[in-house]
PDB file of all heavy atoms in Angstrom:
ATOM      1  N   GLY A   1      -6.422   2.135  -1.416  1.00  0.00           N
ATOM      2  CA  GLY A   1      -7.097   3.443  -1.364  1.00  0.00           C
ATOM      3  C   GLY A   1      -8.356   3.490  -2.215  1.00  0.00           C
ATOM      4  O   GLY A   1      -9.390   3.982  -1.782  1.00  0.00           O
ATOM      5  N   VAL A   2      -8.265   2.964  -3.438  1.00  0.00           N
ATOM      6  CA  VAL A   2      -9.434   2.928  -4.320  1.00  0.00           C
ATOM      7  C   VAL A   2     -10.570   2.154  -3.668  1.00  0.00           C
ATOM      8  O   VAL A   2     -11.714   2.616  -3.600  1.00  0.00           O
ATOM      9  CB  VAL A   2      -9.081   2.283  -5.675  1.00  0.00           C
ATOM     10  CG1 VAL A   2     -10.332   1.938  -6.453  1.00  0.00           C
ATOM     11  CG2 VAL A   2      -8.194   3.203  -6.492  1.00  0.00           C
ATOM     12  N   LEU A   3     -10.270   0.966  -3.161  1.00  0.00           N
ATOM     13  CA  LEU A   3     -11.316   0.125  -2.585  1.00  0.00           C
ATOM     14  C   LEU A   3     -11.917   0.744  -1.335  1.00  0.00           C
ATOM     15  O   LEU A   3     -13.101   0.561  -1.053  1.00  0.00           O
ATOM     16  CB  LEU A   3     -10.745  -1.263  -2.276  1.00  0.00           C
ATOM     17  CG  LEU A   3     -10.380  -2.094  -3.517  1.00  0.00           C
ATOM     18  CD1 LEU A   3      -9.629  -3.353  -3.120  1.00  0.00           C
ATOM     19  CD2 LEU A   3     -11.629  -2.459  -4.309  1.00  0.00           C
ATOM     20  N   GLU A   4     -11.110   1.490  -0.575  1.00  0.00           N
ATOM     21  CA  GLU A   4     -11.646   2.171   0.600  1.00  0.00           C
ATOM     22  C   GLU A   4     -12.649   3.254   0.200  1.00  0.00           C
ATOM     23  O   GLU A   4     -13.742   3.354   0.753  1.00  0.00           O
ATOM     24  CB  GLU A   4     -10.519   2.773   1.418  1.00  0.00           C
ATOM     25  CG  GLU A   4      -9.711   1.754   2.203  1.00  0.00           C
ATOM     26  CD  GLU A   4      -8.555   2.391   2.965  1.00  0.00           C
ATOM     27  OE1 GLU A   4      -8.158   3.501   2.617  1.00  0.00           O
ATOM     28  OE2 GLU A   4      -8.056   1.764   3.913  1.00  0.00           O
ATOM     29  N   TYR A   5     -12.253   4.092  -0.742  1.00  0.00           N
ATOM     30  CA  TYR A   5     -13.120   5.200  -1.144  1.00  0.00           C
ATOM     31  C   TYR A   5     -14.398   4.727  -1.817  1.00  0.00           C
ATOM     32  O   TYR A   5     -15.507   5.145  -1.463  1.00  0.00           O
ATOM     33  CB  TYR A   5     -12.367   6.169  -2.060  1.00  0.00           C
ATOM     34  CG  TYR A   5     -11.473   7.116  -1.296  1.00  0.00           C
ATOM     35  CD1 TYR A   5     -10.104   6.968  -1.285  1.00  0.00           C
ATOM     36  CD2 TYR A   5     -12.019   8.183  -0.565  1.00  0.00           C
ATOM     37  CE1 TYR A   5      -9.281   7.813  -0.572  1.00  0.00           C
ATOM     38  CE2 TYR A   5     -11.205   9.043   0.155  1.00  0.00           C
ATOM     39  CZ  TYR A   5      -9.847   8.854   0.157  1.00  0.00           C
ATOM     40  OH  TYR A   5      -9.033   9.705   0.864  1.00  0.00           O
ATOM     41  N   VAL A   6     -14.267   3.852  -2.806  1.00  0.00           N
ATOM     42  CA  VAL A   6     -15.468   3.424  -3.512  1.00  0.00           C
ATOM     43  C   VAL A   6     -16.330   2.533  -2.613  1.00  0.00           C
ATOM     44  O   VAL A   6     -17.575   2.585  -2.674  1.00  0.00           O
ATOM     45  CB  VAL A   6     -15.143   2.708  -4.840  1.00  0.00           C
ATOM     46  CG1 VAL A   6     -14.303   3.625  -5.730  1.00  0.00           C
ATOM     47  CG2 VAL A   6     -14.441   1.379  -4.636  1.00  0.00           C
ATOM     48  N   GLY A   7     -15.698   1.748  -1.745  1.00  0.00           N
ATOM     49  CA  GLY A   7     -16.468   0.933  -0.816  1.00  0.00           C
ATOM     50  C   GLY A   7     -17.270   1.765   0.150  1.00  0.00           C
ATOM     51  O   GLY A   7     -18.432   1.467   0.448  1.00  0.00           O
ATOM     52  N   ALA A   8     -16.672   2.850   0.655  1.00  0.00           N
ATOM     53  CA  ALA A   8     -17.402   3.740   1.568  1.00  0.00           C
ATOM     54  C   ALA A   8     -18.538   4.451   0.838  1.00  0.00           C
ATOM     55  O   ALA A   8     -19.644   4.556   1.353  1.00  0.00           O
ATOM     56  CB  ALA A   8     -16.444   4.762   2.181  1.00  0.00           C
ATOM     57  N   ALA A   9     -18.291   4.913  -0.389  1.00  0.00           N
ATOM     58  CA  ALA A   9     -19.317   5.642  -1.151  1.00  0.00           C
ATOM     59  C   ALA A   9     -20.500   4.736  -1.492  1.00  0.00           C
ATOM     60  O   ALA A   9     -21.660   5.161  -1.465  1.00  0.00           O
ATOM     61  CB  ALA A   9     -18.723   6.226  -2.420  1.00  0.00           C
ATOM     62  N   MET A  10     -20.205   3.470  -1.807  1.00  0.00           N
ATOM     63  CA  MET A  10     -21.246   2.526  -2.237  1.00  0.00           C
ATOM     64  C   MET A  10     -21.737   1.646  -1.083  1.00  0.00           C
ATOM     65  O   MET A  10     -22.576   0.779  -1.300  1.00  0.00           O
ATOM     66  CB  MET A  10     -20.698   1.647  -3.365  1.00  0.00           C
ATOM     67  CG  MET A  10     -20.274   2.433  -4.582  1.00  0.00           C
ATOM     68  SD  MET A  10     -19.355   1.450  -5.817  1.00  0.00           S
ATOM     69  CE  MET A  10     -20.660   0.445  -6.518  1.00  0.00           C
ATOM     70  N   GLU A  11     -21.198   1.864   0.126  1.00  0.00           N
ATOM     71  CA  GLU A  11     -21.584   1.105   1.317  1.00  0.00           C
ATOM     72  C   GLU A  11     -21.387  -0.375   1.106  1.00  0.00           C
ATOM     73  O   GLU A  11     -22.259  -1.211   1.376  1.00  0.00           O
ATOM     74  CB  GLU A  11     -23.035   1.426   1.712  1.00  0.00           C
ATOM     75  CG  GLU A  11     -23.257   2.894   2.048  1.00  0.00           C
ATOM     76  CD  GLU A  11     -24.680   3.205   2.461  1.00  0.00           C
ATOM     77  OE1 GLU A  11     -25.547   2.333   2.276  1.00  0.00           O
ATOM     78  OE2 GLU A  11     -24.918   4.302   2.978  1.00  0.00           O
ATOM     79  N   LEU A  12     -20.188  -0.726   0.626  1.00  0.00           N
ATOM     80  CA  LEU A  12     -19.835  -2.100   0.363  1.00  0.00           C
ATOM     81  C   LEU A  12     -18.644  -2.520   1.233  1.00  0.00           C
ATOM     82  O   LEU A  12     -17.828  -1.698   1.611  1.00  0.00           O
ATOM     83  CB  LEU A  12     -19.457  -2.295  -1.111  1.00  0.00           C
ATOM     84  CG  LEU A  12     -20.555  -2.021  -2.152  1.00  0.00           C
ATOM     85  CD1 LEU A  12     -19.948  -2.010  -3.542  1.00  0.00           C
ATOM     86  CD2 LEU A  12     -21.673  -3.051  -2.045  1.00  0.00           C
ATOM     87  N   GLY A  13     -18.548  -3.818   1.489  1.00  0.00           N
ATOM     88  CA  GLY A  13     -17.370  -4.369   2.140  1.00  0.00           C
ATOM     89  C   GLY A  13     -16.508  -5.033   1.084  1.00  0.00           C
ATOM     90  O   GLY A  13     -16.796  -6.140   0.645  1.00  0.00           O
ATOM     91  N   LEU A  14     -15.449  -4.354   0.652  1.00  0.00           N
ATOM     92  CA  LEU A  14     -14.629  -4.846  -0.438  1.00  0.00           C
ATOM     93  C   LEU A  14     -13.316  -5.417   0.096  1.00  0.00           C
ATOM     94  O   LEU A  14     -12.783  -4.936   1.085  1.00  0.00           O
ATOM     95  CB  LEU A  14     -14.342  -3.704  -1.441  1.00  0.00           C
ATOM     96  CG  LEU A  14     -15.603  -3.081  -2.054  1.00  0.00           C
ATOM     97  CD1 LEU A  14     -15.224  -1.948  -2.993  1.00  0.00           C
ATOM     98  CD2 LEU A  14     -16.415  -4.145  -2.797  1.00  0.00           C
ATOM     99  N   PRO A  15     -12.766  -6.440  -0.555  1.00  0.00           N
ATOM    100  CA  PRO A  15     -11.584  -7.153  -0.024  1.00  0.00           C
ATOM    101  C   PRO A  15     -10.303  -6.342  -0.169  1.00  0.00           C
ATOM    102  O   PRO A  15      -9.985  -5.868  -1.252  1.00  0.00           O
ATOM    103  CB  PRO A  15     -11.532  -8.412  -0.900  1.00  0.00           C
ATOM    104  CG  PRO A  15     -12.182  -8.007  -2.194  1.00  0.00           C
ATOM    105  CD  PRO A  15     -13.257  -7.035  -1.819  1.00  0.00           C
ATOM    106  N   THR A  16      -9.568  -6.203   0.935  1.00  0.00           N
ATOM    107  CA  THR A  16      -8.294  -5.467   0.891  1.00  0.00           C
ATOM    108  C   THR A  16      -7.164  -6.190   1.616  1.00  0.00           C
ATOM    109  O   THR A  16      -6.020  -5.743   1.588  1.00  0.00           O
ATOM    110  CB  THR A  16      -8.447  -4.066   1.527  1.00  0.00           C
ATOM    111  OG1 THR A  16      -8.853  -4.196   2.882  1.00  0.00           O
ATOM    112  CG2 THR A  16      -9.449  -3.208   0.764  1.00  0.00           C
ATOM    113  N   ASP A  17      -7.454  -7.289   2.305  1.00  0.00           N
ATOM    114  CA  ASP A  17      -6.436  -7.933   3.148  1.00  0.00           C
ATOM    115  C   ASP A  17      -5.188  -8.332   2.351  1.00  0.00           C
ATOM    116  O   ASP A  17      -4.050  -8.085   2.783  1.00  0.00           O
ATOM    117  CB  ASP A  17      -7.017  -9.166   3.834  1.00  0.00           C
ATOM    118  CG  ASP A  17      -7.986  -8.813   4.956  1.00  0.00           C
ATOM    119  OD1 ASP A  17      -8.062  -7.615   5.297  1.00  0.00           O
ATOM    120  OD2 ASP A  17      -8.665  -9.720   5.466  1.00  0.00           O
ATOM    121  N   ARG A  18      -5.379  -8.979   1.219  1.00  0.00           N
ATOM    122  CA  ARG A  18      -4.236  -9.436   0.445  1.00  0.00           C
ATOM    123  C   ARG A  18      -3.405  -8.243  -0.050  1.00  0.00           C
ATOM    124  O   ARG A  18      -2.174  -8.266  -0.029  1.00  0.00           O
ATOM    125  CB  ARG A  18      -4.703 -10.264  -0.753  1.00  0.00           C
ATOM    126  CG  ARG A  18      -3.578 -10.914  -1.544  1.00  0.00           C
ATOM    127  CD  ARG A  18      -4.067 -11.486  -2.849  1.00  0.00           C
ATOM    128  NE  ARG A  18      -4.513 -10.433  -3.741  1.00  0.00           N
ATOM    129  CZ  ARG A  18      -3.680  -9.678  -4.486  1.00  0.00           C
ATOM    130  NH1 ARG A  18      -2.377  -9.863  -4.410  1.00  0.00           N
ATOM    131  NH2 ARG A  18      -4.160  -8.749  -5.272  1.00  0.00           N
ATOM    132  N   LEU A  19      -4.090  -7.196  -0.472  1.00  0.00           N
ATOM    133  CA  LEU A  19      -3.407  -6.004  -0.969  1.00  0.00           C
ATOM    134  C   LEU A  19      -2.653  -5.299   0.154  1.00  0.00           C
ATOM    135  O   LEU A  19      -1.552  -4.782  -0.049  1.00  0.00           O
ATOM    136  CB  LEU A  19      -4.420  -5.043  -1.619  1.00  0.00           C
ATOM    137  CG  LEU A  19      -5.019  -5.519  -2.943  1.00  0.00           C
ATOM    138  CD1 LEU A  19      -6.227  -4.671  -3.310  1.00  0.00           C
ATOM    139  CD2 LEU A  19      -3.979  -5.464  -4.067  1.00  0.00           C
ATOM    140  N   ARG A  20      -3.240  -5.278   1.331  1.00  0.00           N
ATOM    141  CA  ARG A  20      -2.552  -4.638   2.474  1.00  0.00           C
ATOM    142  C   ARG A  20      -1.258  -5.390   2.804  1.00  0.00           C
ATOM    143  O   ARG A  20      -0.232  -4.768   3.096  1.00  0.00           O
ATOM    144  CB  ARG A  20      -3.470  -4.617   3.688  1.00  0.00           C
ATOM    145  CG  ARG A  20      -4.624  -3.622   3.566  1.00  0.00           C
ATOM    146  CD  ARG A  20      -5.495  -3.647   4.808  1.00  0.00           C
ATOM    147  NE  ARG A  20      -6.706  -2.900   4.586  1.00  0.00           N
ATOM    148  CZ  ARG A  20      -6.803  -1.567   4.668  1.00  0.00           C
ATOM    149  NH1 ARG A  20      -5.726  -0.859   4.982  1.00  0.00           N
ATOM    150  NH2 ARG A  20      -7.950  -0.958   4.463  1.00  0.00           N
ATOM    151  N   GLU A  21      -1.313  -6.714   2.779  1.00  0.00           N
ATOM    152  CA  GLU A  21      -0.125  -7.491   3.063  1.00  0.00           C
ATOM    153  C   GLU A  21       0.940  -7.258   2.002  1.00  0.00           C
ATOM    154  O   GLU A  21       2.139  -7.093   2.319  1.00  0.00           O
ATOM    155  CB  GLU A  21      -0.484  -8.982   3.135  1.00  0.00           C
ATOM    156  CG  GLU A  21       0.678  -9.894   3.424  1.00  0.00           C
ATOM    157  CD  GLU A  21       1.310  -9.634   4.776  1.00  0.00           C
ATOM    158  OE1 GLU A  21       0.620  -9.107   5.681  1.00  0.00           O
ATOM    159  OE2 GLU A  21       2.515  -9.927   4.932  1.00  0.00           O
ATOM    160  N   ALA A  22       0.525  -7.217   0.736  1.00  0.00           N
ATOM    161  CA  ALA A  22       1.478  -6.938  -0.341  1.00  0.00           C
ATOM    162  C   ALA A  22       2.059  -5.545  -0.172  1.00  0.00           C
ATOM    163  O   ALA A  22       3.260  -5.318  -0.436  1.00  0.00           O
ATOM    164  CB  ALA A  22       0.788  -7.066  -1.693  1.00  0.00           C
ATOM    165  N   GLY A  23       1.231  -4.590   0.270  1.00  0.00           N
ATOM    166  CA  GLY A  23       1.712  -3.227   0.491  1.00  0.00           C
ATOM    167  C   GLY A  23       2.739  -3.141   1.583  1.00  0.00           C
ATOM    168  O   GLY A  23       3.737  -2.427   1.468  1.00  0.00           O
ATOM    169  N   ARG A  24       2.518  -3.910   2.672  1.00  0.00           N
ATOM    170  CA  ARG A  24       3.496  -3.901   3.767  1.00  0.00           C
ATOM    171  C   ARG A  24       4.834  -4.467   3.306  1.00  0.00           C
ATOM    172  O   ARG A  24       5.909  -3.952   3.647  1.00  0.00           O
ATOM    173  CB  ARG A  24       2.954  -4.700   4.959  1.00  0.00           C
ATOM    174  CG  ARG A  24       1.886  -3.967   5.756  1.00  0.00           C
ATOM    175  CD  ARG A  24       1.556  -4.699   7.048  1.00  0.00           C
ATOM    176  NE  ARG A  24       0.762  -5.888   6.792  1.00  0.00           N
ATOM    177  CZ  ARG A  24      -0.566  -5.917   6.776  1.00  0.00           C
ATOM    178  NH1 ARG A  24      -1.259  -4.806   6.944  1.00  0.00           N
ATOM    179  NH2 ARG A  24      -1.212  -7.047   6.555  1.00  0.00           N
ATOM    180  N   ASN A  25       4.779  -5.537   2.526  1.00  0.00           N
ATOM    181  CA  ASN A  25       6.040  -6.121   2.002  1.00  0.00           C
ATOM    182  C   ASN A  25       6.751  -5.120   1.092  1.00  0.00           C
ATOM    183  O   ASN A  25       7.990  -4.998   1.129  1.00  0.00           O
ATOM    184  CB  ASN A  25       5.735  -7.391   1.241  1.00  0.00           C
ATOM    185  CG  ASN A  25       5.228  -8.510   2.136  1.00  0.00           C
ATOM    186  OD1 ASN A  25       5.499  -8.501   3.342  1.00  0.00           O
ATOM    187  ND2 ASN A  25       4.479  -9.442   1.572  1.00  0.00           N
ATOM    188  N   LEU A  26       5.999  -4.419   0.250  1.00  0.00           N
ATOM    189  CA  LEU A  26       6.596  -3.466  -0.661  1.00  0.00           C
ATOM    190  C   LEU A  26       7.195  -2.293   0.093  1.00  0.00           C
ATOM    191  O   LEU A  26       8.267  -1.785  -0.261  1.00  0.00           O
ATOM    192  CB  LEU A  26       5.569  -2.956  -1.671  1.00  0.00           C
ATOM    193  CG  LEU A  26       6.074  -1.965  -2.707  1.00  0.00           C
ATOM    194  CD1 LEU A  26       7.167  -2.581  -3.563  1.00  0.00           C
ATOM    195  CD2 LEU A  26       4.927  -1.454  -3.578  1.00  0.00           C
ATOM    196  N   GLU A  27       6.544  -1.851   1.157  1.00  0.00           N
ATOM    197  CA  GLU A  27       7.069  -0.711   1.940  1.00  0.00           C
ATOM    198  C   GLU A  27       8.458  -1.014   2.471  1.00  0.00           C
ATOM    199  O   GLU A  27       9.333  -0.135   2.448  1.00  0.00           O
ATOM    200  CB  GLU A  27       6.097  -0.398   3.088  1.00  0.00           C
ATOM    201  CG  GLU A  27       4.869   0.380   2.674  1.00  0.00           C
ATOM    202  CD  GLU A  27       3.900   0.553   3.822  1.00  0.00           C
ATOM    203  OE1 GLU A  27       4.223   0.089   4.944  1.00  0.00           O
ATOM    204  OE2 GLU A  27       2.829   1.146   3.601  1.00  0.00           O
ATOM    205  N   SER A  28       8.678  -2.222   2.953  1.00  0.00           N
ATOM    206  CA  SER A  28       9.983  -2.562   3.492  1.00  0.00           C
ATOM    207  C   SER A  28      11.045  -2.598   2.373  1.00  0.00           C
ATOM    208  O   SER A  28      12.186  -2.154   2.565  1.00  0.00           O
ATOM    209  CB  SER A  28       9.948  -3.893   4.231  1.00  0.00           C
ATOM    210  OG  SER A  28       9.570  -4.943   3.347  1.00  0.00           O
ATOM    211  N   GLN A  29      10.638  -3.061   1.183  1.00  0.00           N
ATOM    212  CA  GLN A  29      11.564  -3.076   0.059  1.00  0.00           C
ATOM    213  C   GLN A  29      11.916  -1.648  -0.384  1.00  0.00           C
ATOM    214  O   GLN A  29      13.084  -1.335  -0.672  1.00  0.00           O
ATOM    215  CB  GLN A  29      10.959  -3.834  -1.130  1.00  0.00           C
ATOM    216  CG  GLN A  29      10.721  -5.304  -0.847  1.00  0.00           C
ATOM    217  CD  GLN A  29       9.980  -5.985  -2.002  1.00  0.00           C
ATOM    218  OE1 GLN A  29      10.106  -5.568  -3.160  1.00  0.00           O
ATOM    219  NE2 GLN A  29       9.207  -6.990  -1.689  1.00  0.00           N
ATOM    220  N   ILE A  30      10.905  -0.784  -0.427  1.00  0.00           N
ATOM    221  CA  ILE A  30      11.145   0.601  -0.817  1.00  0.00           C
ATOM    222  C   ILE A  30      12.075   1.275   0.185  1.00  0.00           C
ATOM    223  O   ILE A  30      13.003   2.014  -0.186  1.00  0.00           O
ATOM    224  CB  ILE A  30       9.829   1.386  -0.940  1.00  0.00           C
ATOM    225  CG1 ILE A  30       8.994   0.825  -2.104  1.00  0.00           C
ATOM    226  CG2 ILE A  30      10.091   2.871  -1.154  1.00  0.00           C
ATOM    227  CD1 ILE A  30       7.602   1.414  -2.193  1.00  0.00           C
ATOM    228  N   ALA A  31      11.825   1.037   1.479  1.00  0.00           N
ATOM    229  CA  ALA A  31      12.648   1.645   2.515  1.00  0.00           C
ATOM    230  C   ALA A  31      14.114   1.240   2.366  1.00  0.00           C
ATOM    231  O   ALA A  31      15.023   2.061   2.509  1.00  0.00           O
ATOM    232  CB  ALA A  31      12.129   1.239   3.908  1.00  0.00           C
ATOM    233  N   GLU A  32      14.361  -0.025   2.040  1.00  0.00           N
ATOM    234  CA  GLU A  32      15.737  -0.488   1.835  1.00  0.00           C
ATOM    235  C   GLU A  32      16.361   0.205   0.625  1.00  0.00           C
ATOM    236  O   GLU A  32      17.528   0.624   0.684  1.00  0.00           O
ATOM    237  CB  GLU A  32      15.737  -2.000   1.637  1.00  0.00           C
ATOM    238  CG  GLU A  32      15.374  -2.805   2.889  1.00  0.00           C
ATOM    239  CD  GLU A  32      15.297  -4.291   2.593  1.00  0.00           C
ATOM    240  OE1 GLU A  32      15.601  -4.681   1.455  1.00  0.00           O
ATOM    241  OE2 GLU A  32      14.941  -5.057   3.519  1.00  0.00           O
ATOM    242  N   GLN A  33      15.608   0.313  -0.456  1.00  0.00           N
ATOM    243  CA  GLN A  33      16.149   0.943  -1.661  1.00  0.00           C
ATOM    244  C   GLN A  33      16.418   2.429  -1.450  1.00  0.00           C
ATOM    245  O   GLN A  33      17.436   2.962  -1.921  1.00  0.00           O
ATOM    246  CB  GLN A  33      15.190   0.737  -2.827  1.00  0.00           C
ATOM    247  CG  GLN A  33      15.065  -0.719  -3.236  1.00  0.00           C
ATOM    248  CD  GLN A  33      14.053  -0.922  -4.364  1.00  0.00           C
ATOM    249  OE1 GLN A  33      13.590   0.026  -4.977  1.00  0.00           O
ATOM    250  NE2 GLN A  33      13.712  -2.183  -4.614  1.00  0.00           N
ATOM    251  N   VAL A  34      15.516   3.109  -0.744  1.00  0.00           N
ATOM    252  CA  VAL A  34      15.710   4.540  -0.474  1.00  0.00           C
ATOM    253  C   VAL A  34      16.945   4.731   0.395  1.00  0.00           C
ATOM    254  O   VAL A  34      17.778   5.627   0.161  1.00  0.00           O
ATOM    255  CB  VAL A  34      14.459   5.141   0.195  1.00  0.00           C
ATOM    256  CG1 VAL A  34      14.751   6.553   0.721  1.00  0.00           C
ATOM    257  CG2 VAL A  34      13.301   5.178  -0.804  1.00  0.00           C
ATOM    258  N   ALA A  35      17.083   3.915   1.429  1.00  0.00           N
ATOM    259  CA  ALA A  35      18.239   4.049   2.334  1.00  0.00           C
ATOM    260  C   ALA A  35      19.545   3.804   1.603  1.00  0.00           C
ATOM    261  O   ALA A  35      20.592   4.368   1.963  1.00  0.00           O
ATOM    262  CB  ALA A  35      18.090   3.051   3.492  1.00  0.00           C
ATOM    263  N   ALA A  36      19.510   2.972   0.560  1.00  0.00           N
ATOM    264  CA  ALA A  36      20.735   2.628  -0.158  1.00  0.00           C
ATOM    265  C   ALA A  36      21.051   3.630  -1.275  1.00  0.00           C
ATOM    266  O   ALA A  36      22.113   3.534  -1.899  1.00  0.00           O
ATOM    267  CB  ALA A  36      20.619   1.220  -0.746  1.00  0.00           C
ATOM    268  N   THR A  37      20.148   4.597  -1.518  1.00  0.00           N
ATOM    269  CA  THR A  37      20.345   5.544  -2.627  1.00  0.00           C
ATOM    270  C   THR A  37      20.182   6.966  -2.096  1.00  0.00           C
ATOM    271  O   THR A  37      19.071   7.468  -1.983  1.00  0.00           O
ATOM    272  CB  THR A  37      19.317   5.285  -3.751  1.00  0.00           C
ATOM    273  OG1 THR A  37      19.270   3.884  -4.034  1.00  0.00           O
ATOM    274  CG2 THR A  37      19.684   6.050  -5.005  1.00  0.00           C
ATOM    275  N   PRO A  38      21.300   7.648  -1.753  1.00  0.00           N
ATOM    276  CA  PRO A  38      21.226   8.979  -1.155  1.00  0.00           C
ATOM    277  C   PRO A  38      20.420   9.990  -1.978  1.00  0.00           C
ATOM    278  O   PRO A  38      19.669  10.791  -1.402  1.00  0.00           O
ATOM    279  CB  PRO A  38      22.687   9.399  -1.033  1.00  0.00           C
ATOM    280  CG  PRO A  38      23.433   8.103  -0.952  1.00  0.00           C
ATOM    281  CD  PRO A  38      22.670   7.160  -1.847  1.00  0.00           C
ATOM    282  N   ASP A  39      20.546   9.964  -3.295  1.00  0.00           N
ATOM    283  CA  ASP A  39      19.797  10.923  -4.115  1.00  0.00           C
ATOM    284  C   ASP A  39      18.299  10.719  -3.985  1.00  0.00           C
ATOM    285  O   ASP A  39      17.535  11.687  -3.894  1.00  0.00           O
ATOM    286  CB  ASP A  39      20.211  10.785  -5.590  1.00  0.00           C
ATOM    287  CG  ASP A  39      21.614  11.317  -5.858  1.00  0.00           C
ATOM    288  OD1 ASP A  39      22.133  12.040  -4.993  1.00  0.00           O
ATOM    289  OD2 ASP A  39      22.165  11.021  -6.929  1.00  0.00           O
ATOM    290  N   VAL A  40      17.868   9.470  -3.975  1.00  0.00           N
ATOM    291  CA  VAL A  40      16.450   9.180  -3.821  1.00  0.00           C
ATOM    292  C   VAL A  40      15.987   9.568  -2.412  1.00  0.00           C
ATOM    293  O   VAL A  40      14.900  10.122  -2.249  1.00  0.00           O
ATOM    294  CB  VAL A  40      16.149   7.689  -4.093  1.00  0.00           C
ATOM    295  CG1 VAL A  40      14.691   7.361  -3.790  1.00  0.00           C
ATOM    296  CG2 VAL A  40      16.479   7.349  -5.547  1.00  0.00           C
ATOM    297  N   ALA A  41      16.810   9.296  -1.423  1.00  0.00           N
ATOM    298  CA  ALA A  41      16.450   9.660  -0.056  1.00  0.00           C
ATOM    299  C   ALA A  41      16.249  11.164   0.090  1.00  0.00           C
ATOM    300  O   ALA A  41      15.307  11.611   0.738  1.00  0.00           O
ATOM    301  CB  ALA A  41      17.545   9.173   0.904  1.00  0.00           C
TER     302      ALA A  41
END
Protein backbone atom coordinates (compact mmCIF):
# COMPACT_ATOMS: atom_id res chain seq x y z
CA GLY A 1 0.00 0.00 0.00
CA VAL A 2 2.78 2.45 0.87
CA LEU A 3 4.61 1.80 -2.40
CA GLU A 4 1.41 2.20 -4.41
CA TYR A 5 0.51 5.56 -2.88
CA VAL A 6 3.96 7.13 -2.89
CA GLY A 7 4.73 5.67 -6.32
CA ALA A 8 1.57 7.20 -7.78
CA ALA A 9 2.23 10.59 -6.12
CA MET A 10 5.85 10.68 -7.31
CA GLU A 11 5.11 9.06 -10.70
CA LEU A 12 7.53 6.22 -10.03
CA GLY A 13 7.49 2.51 -10.79
CA LEU A 14 8.36 0.93 -7.44
CA PRO A 15 8.90 -2.81 -6.85
CA THR A 16 6.02 -4.72 -5.24
CA ASP A 17 6.07 -8.22 -6.76
CA ARG A 18 7.97 -9.90 -3.94
CA LEU A 19 5.83 -8.20 -1.29
CA ARG A 20 2.62 -9.18 -3.08
CA GLU A 21 3.69 -12.82 -3.13
CA ALA A 22 4.60 -12.68 0.57
CA GLY A 23 1.21 -11.06 1.24
CA ARG A 24 -0.65 -13.84 -0.56
CA ASN A 25 1.18 -16.47 1.49
CA LEU A 26 0.41 -14.60 4.71
CA GLU A 27 -3.28 -14.25 3.82
CA SER A 28 -3.68 -18.02 3.62
CA GLN A 29 -1.93 -18.44 6.98
CA ILE A 30 -4.14 -15.81 8.61
CA ALA A 31 -7.27 -17.44 7.15
CA GLU A 32 -6.27 -20.78 8.69
CA GLN A 33 -5.60 -19.22 12.08
CA VAL A 34 -8.87 -17.26 12.06
CA ALA A 35 -10.85 -20.36 11.10
CA ALA A 36 -9.23 -22.28 13.95
CA THR A 37 -9.99 -19.60 16.58
CA PRO A 38 -13.73 -18.84 17.00
CA ASP A 39 -13.14 -15.74 19.15
CA VAL A 40 -10.85 -14.21 16.54
CA ALA A 41 -13.28 -15.13 13.77
